């Protein structure tokens, strides 16, 4: 893969940690186009620390940890989605902000931008209660825009029946399940990721 988009069914489900492992395994560069929330470690900083791989600067950096359109409004700004142009760096792992329908402005969502880029997508899904609904709705949204879904990466305690249901009903590939890691240490992180997603998993 030269470019892959990592998105999620929701926010705070572990997709940044997944993106870090994917970036490391693919020996890629990471890019987070829109970062909302600057008070703590940013997603780009997390990925750089865990993977040791290069990261591109965010196109938009917003102080408030909120939906990008609200974070921008808090600064008296309106996001111009045309600024989000696909970099030429390859291979590239792109992480979206929140879920697919997160607004960037009054009329454009992250999904609209992904559709414009037309790159393959990996959907990260939690294994907690509610994931079947959230995952299938997200897969429907991606399909409605003609995007190629490479598979679903589950995050959390394994739930084989739930994961099989999403795989079967969503007609999508199950890539694996990454447990919630209590400690994120660069020295062992890639080995932990590779145990959940063995090298070759992402050879599409």
Protein backbone atom coordinates (compact mmCIF):
# COMPACT_ATOMS: atom_id res chain seq x y z
CA UNK A 1 0.00 0.00 0.00
CA UNK A 2 1.31 3.45 -0.82
CA UNK A 3 -1.40 5.32 1.14
CA UNK A 4 -3.86 4.01 3.72
CA UNK A 5 -6.39 5.93 5.81
CA UNK A 6 -7.01 4.84 9.40
CA UNK A 7 -10.41 5.85 10.70
CA UNK A 8 -12.58 4.75 13.58
CA UNK A 9 -16.14 4.06 14.60
CA UNK A 10 -15.78 6.65 17.36
CA UNK A 11 -13.22 8.76 19.18
CA UNK A 12 -10.93 7.47 21.96
CA UNK A 13 -11.05 3.87 20.78
CA UNK A 14 -7.32 3.40 20.22
CA UNK A 15 -6.94 4.20 16.54
CA UNK A 16 -3.86 6.37 17.17
CA UNK A 17 -2.12 3.45 18.86
CA UNK A 18 -3.14 1.22 15.96
CA UNK A 19 -1.88 3.83 13.48
CA UNK A 20 1.46 3.91 15.31
CA UNK A 21 1.87 0.15 14.99
CA UNK A 22 0.78 0.18 11.35
CA UNK A 23 3.20 3.01 10.56
CA UNK A 24 6.03 1.09 12.19
CA UNK A 25 5.24 -2.20 10.50
CA UNK A 26 4.91 -0.63 7.05
CA UNK A 27 7.99 1.57 7.60
CA UNK A 28 5.78 4.46 6.57
CA UNK A 29 5.38 8.15 7.35
CA UNK A 30 2.40 9.26 9.45
CA UNK A 31 0.13 12.23 8.86
CA UNK A 32 -2.69 13.58 11.02
CA UNK A 33 -4.32 16.30 8.87
CA UNK A 34 -6.44 17.80 11.67
CA UNK A 35 -5.43 17.85 15.34
CA UNK A 36 -8.00 19.05 17.87
CA UNK A 37 -6.53 19.40 21.36
CA UNK A 38 -3.01 20.61 22.03
CA UNK A 39 -2.71 20.60 25.81
CA UNK A 40 -1.40 17.03 26.10
CA UNK A 41 0.64 14.79 23.81
CA UNK A 42 -0.74 15.07 20.29
CA UNK A 43 -1.49 12.07 18.10
CA UNK A 44 1.52 12.82 15.92
CA UNK A 45 3.75 12.90 19.00
CA UNK A 46 2.32 9.58 20.22
CA UNK A 47 2.97 7.94 16.85
CA UNK A 48 6.48 9.35 16.59
CA UNK A 49 7.33 8.17 20.13
CA UNK A 50 5.92 4.66 19.71
CA UNK A 51 6.95 3.93 16.13
CA UNK A 52 10.15 5.93 15.73
CA UNK A 53 8.92 6.80 12.26
CA UNK A 54 8.72 10.28 10.69
CA UNK A 55 5.53 12.32 10.93
CA UNK A 56 4.34 15.15 8.71
CA UNK A 57 3.12 18.39 10.28
CA UNK A 58 -0.61 18.69 10.81
CA UNK A 59 -2.33 20.97 8.32
CA UNK A 60 -4.68 22.24 11.04
CA UNK A 61 -3.83 22.49 14.75
CA UNK A 62 -6.71 23.49 17.02
CA UNK A 63 -6.44 24.12 20.73
CA UNK A 64 -9.81 22.80 21.94
CA UNK A 65 -10.27 19.00 22.20
CA UNK A 66 -13.58 18.94 20.36
CA UNK A 67 -15.07 18.33 16.94
CA UNK A 68 -12.88 20.27 14.48
CA UNK A 69 -15.67 22.64 13.41
CA UNK A 70 -16.34 23.57 17.06
CA UNK A 71 -12.65 23.82 17.92
CA UNK A 72 -12.14 26.15 14.97
CA UNK A 73 -15.17 28.26 15.91
CA UNK A 74 -13.77 28.68 19.42
CA UNK A 75 -10.78 30.39 17.79
CA UNK A 76 -12.95 32.50 15.50
CA UNK A 77 -12.00 30.41 12.50
CA UNK A 78 -13.75 28.36 9.83
CA UNK A 79 -11.94 25.35 8.38
CA UNK A 80 -11.39 25.49 4.65
CA UNK A 81 -11.38 21.79 3.74
CA UNK A 82 -9.62 22.59 0.45
CA UNK A 83 -6.46 23.07 2.51
CA UNK A 84 -6.40 19.32 3.16
CA UNK A 85 -4.39 18.17 0.17
CA UNK A 86 -2.91 14.69 0.00
CA UNK A 87 0.88 14.82 0.55
CA UNK A 88 3.21 13.20 -1.96
CA UNK A 89 5.16 11.25 0.69
CA UNK A 90 4.96 7.46 0.28
CA UNK A 91 4.27 5.10 1.95
CA UNK A 92 1.87 7.13 4.06
CA UNK A 93 -0.49 6.32 6.93
CA UNK A 94 -3.21 8.95 7.43
CA UNK A 95 -5.29 9.15 10.60
CA UNK A 96 -8.62 10.92 10.51
CA UNK A 97 -10.10 13.00 13.31
CA UNK A 98 -12.70 11.07 15.32
CA UNK A 99 -15.22 9.10 13.26
CA UNK A 100 -16.29 9.39 9.66
CA UNK A 101 -19.08 11.92 10.13
CA UNK A 102 -17.09 14.39 12.22
CA UNK A 103 -17.74 17.86 10.72
CA UNK A 104 -14.88 20.03 9.52
CA UNK A 105 -17.21 22.93 8.77
CA UNK A 106 -20.92 23.49 8.25
CA UNK A 107 -21.10 21.26 5.17
CA UNK A 108 -18.05 18.98 4.97
CA UNK A 109 -17.17 15.89 7.03
CA UNK A 110 -14.03 13.77 7.31
CA UNK A 111 -15.78 11.24 5.07
CA UNK A 112 -16.17 13.87 2.35
CA UNK A 113 -12.42 14.48 2.42
CA UNK A 114 -11.63 10.75 2.38
CA UNK A 115 -13.90 10.31 -0.64
CA UNK A 116 -12.07 13.13 -2.42
CA UNK A 117 -8.72 11.47 -1.76
CA UNK A 118 -10.11 8.04 -2.77
CA UNK A 119 -7.54 6.04 -0.81
CA UNK A 120 -8.12 2.63 0.83
CA UNK A 121 -9.36 2.63 4.43
CA UNK A 122 -8.85 0.53 7.55
CA UNK A 123 -11.68 0.85 10.06
CA UNK A 124 -10.76 0.60 13.75
CA UNK A 125 -13.58 -0.69 15.93
CA UNK A 126 -13.75 -1.13 19.69
CA UNK A 127 -14.92 -4.50 21.03
CA UNK A 128 -17.12 -2.96 23.72
CA UNK A 129 -20.93 -3.00 23.78
CA UNK A 130 -22.43 -1.14 20.82
CA UNK A 131 -19.67 -1.92 18.38
CA UNK A 132 -21.83 -3.96 15.98
CA UNK A 133 -24.11 -1.01 15.31
CA UNK A 134 -21.30 1.54 15.09
CA UNK A 135 -19.16 -0.66 12.88
CA UNK A 136 -21.87 -1.62 10.42
CA UNK A 137 -23.04 1.99 10.10
CA UNK A 138 -19.46 3.10 9.44
CA UNK A 139 -19.00 0.39 6.82
CA UNK A 140 -22.24 1.47 5.14
CA UNK A 141 -21.05 5.06 5.05
CA UNK A 142 -17.73 4.07 3.48
CA UNK A 143 -19.46 1.87 0.91
CA UNK A 144 -21.89 4.66 0.03
CA UNK A 145 -18.94 6.82 -1.05
CA UNK A 146 -17.26 4.07 -3.05
CA UNK A 147 -14.25 3.75 -0.77
CA UNK A 148 -12.25 0.52 -0.58
CA UNK A 149 -12.27 -0.94 2.93
CA UNK A 150 -9.21 -3.12 3.50
CA UNK A 151 -10.65 -4.54 6.69
CA UNK A 152 -11.62 -3.96 10.29
CA UNK A 153 -9.03 -3.81 13.08
CA UNK A 154 -10.59 -4.55 16.45
CA UNK A 155 -9.25 -2.96 19.63
CA UNK A 156 -9.97 -4.24 23.13
CA UNK A 157 -10.71 -7.61 24.72
CA UNK A 158 -11.37 -10.22 22.02
CA UNK A 159 -15.06 -10.84 21.34
CA UNK A 160 -15.05 -13.57 18.67
CA UNK A 161 -18.81 -13.73 18.12
CA UNK A 162 -19.12 -9.95 17.88
CA UNK A 163 -16.15 -9.71 15.53
CA UNK A 164 -17.52 -12.54 13.35
CA UNK A 165 -20.90 -10.81 13.17
CA UNK A 166 -19.32 -7.58 11.91
CA UNK A 167 -17.15 -9.48 9.45
CA UNK A 168 -20.08 -11.45 8.06
CA UNK A 169 -22.76 -8.75 7.99
CA UNK A 170 -20.36 -6.05 6.87
CA UNK A 171 -18.81 -8.33 4.22
CA UNK A 172 -15.40 -7.16 5.34
CA UNK A 173 -12.08 -8.69 6.26
CA UNK A 174 -11.22 -9.10 9.96
CA UNK A 175 -7.60 -7.97 10.28
CA UNK A 176 -7.04 -8.90 13.93
CA UNK A 177 -7.58 -7.64 17.46
CA UNK A 178 -5.21 -5.40 19.41
CA UNK A 179 -5.72 -5.62 23.18
CA UNK A 180 -5.78 -2.45 25.23
CA UNK A 181 -2.16 -2.14 26.31
CA UNK A 182 -1.80 -0.92 29.91
CA UNK A 183 1.70 0.40 29.23
CA UNK A 184 2.82 1.93 25.94
CA UNK A 185 6.59 1.62 25.83
CA UNK A 186 8.45 2.10 22.54
CA UNK A 187 10.86 -0.72 23.41
CA UNK A 188 8.15 -3.39 23.27
CA UNK A 189 5.26 -1.72 21.48
CA UNK A 190 6.02 -2.90 17.95
CA UNK A 191 6.38 -6.50 19.14
CA UNK A 192 2.98 -6.23 20.84
CA UNK A 193 1.41 -4.83 17.68
CA UNK A 194 3.04 -7.44 15.45
CA UNK A 195 1.72 -10.21 17.71
CA UNK A 196 -1.83 -8.97 17.08
CA UNK A 197 -1.23 -8.18 13.39
CA UNK A 198 1.61 -10.40 12.13
CA UNK A 199 3.77 -9.02 9.32
CA UNK A 200 1.99 -9.80 6.07
CA UNK A 201 -1.46 -8.91 7.46
CA UNK A 202 -1.47 -5.72 5.44
CA UNK A 203 -0.11 -7.19 2.21
CA UNK A 204 -3.19 -6.55 0.09
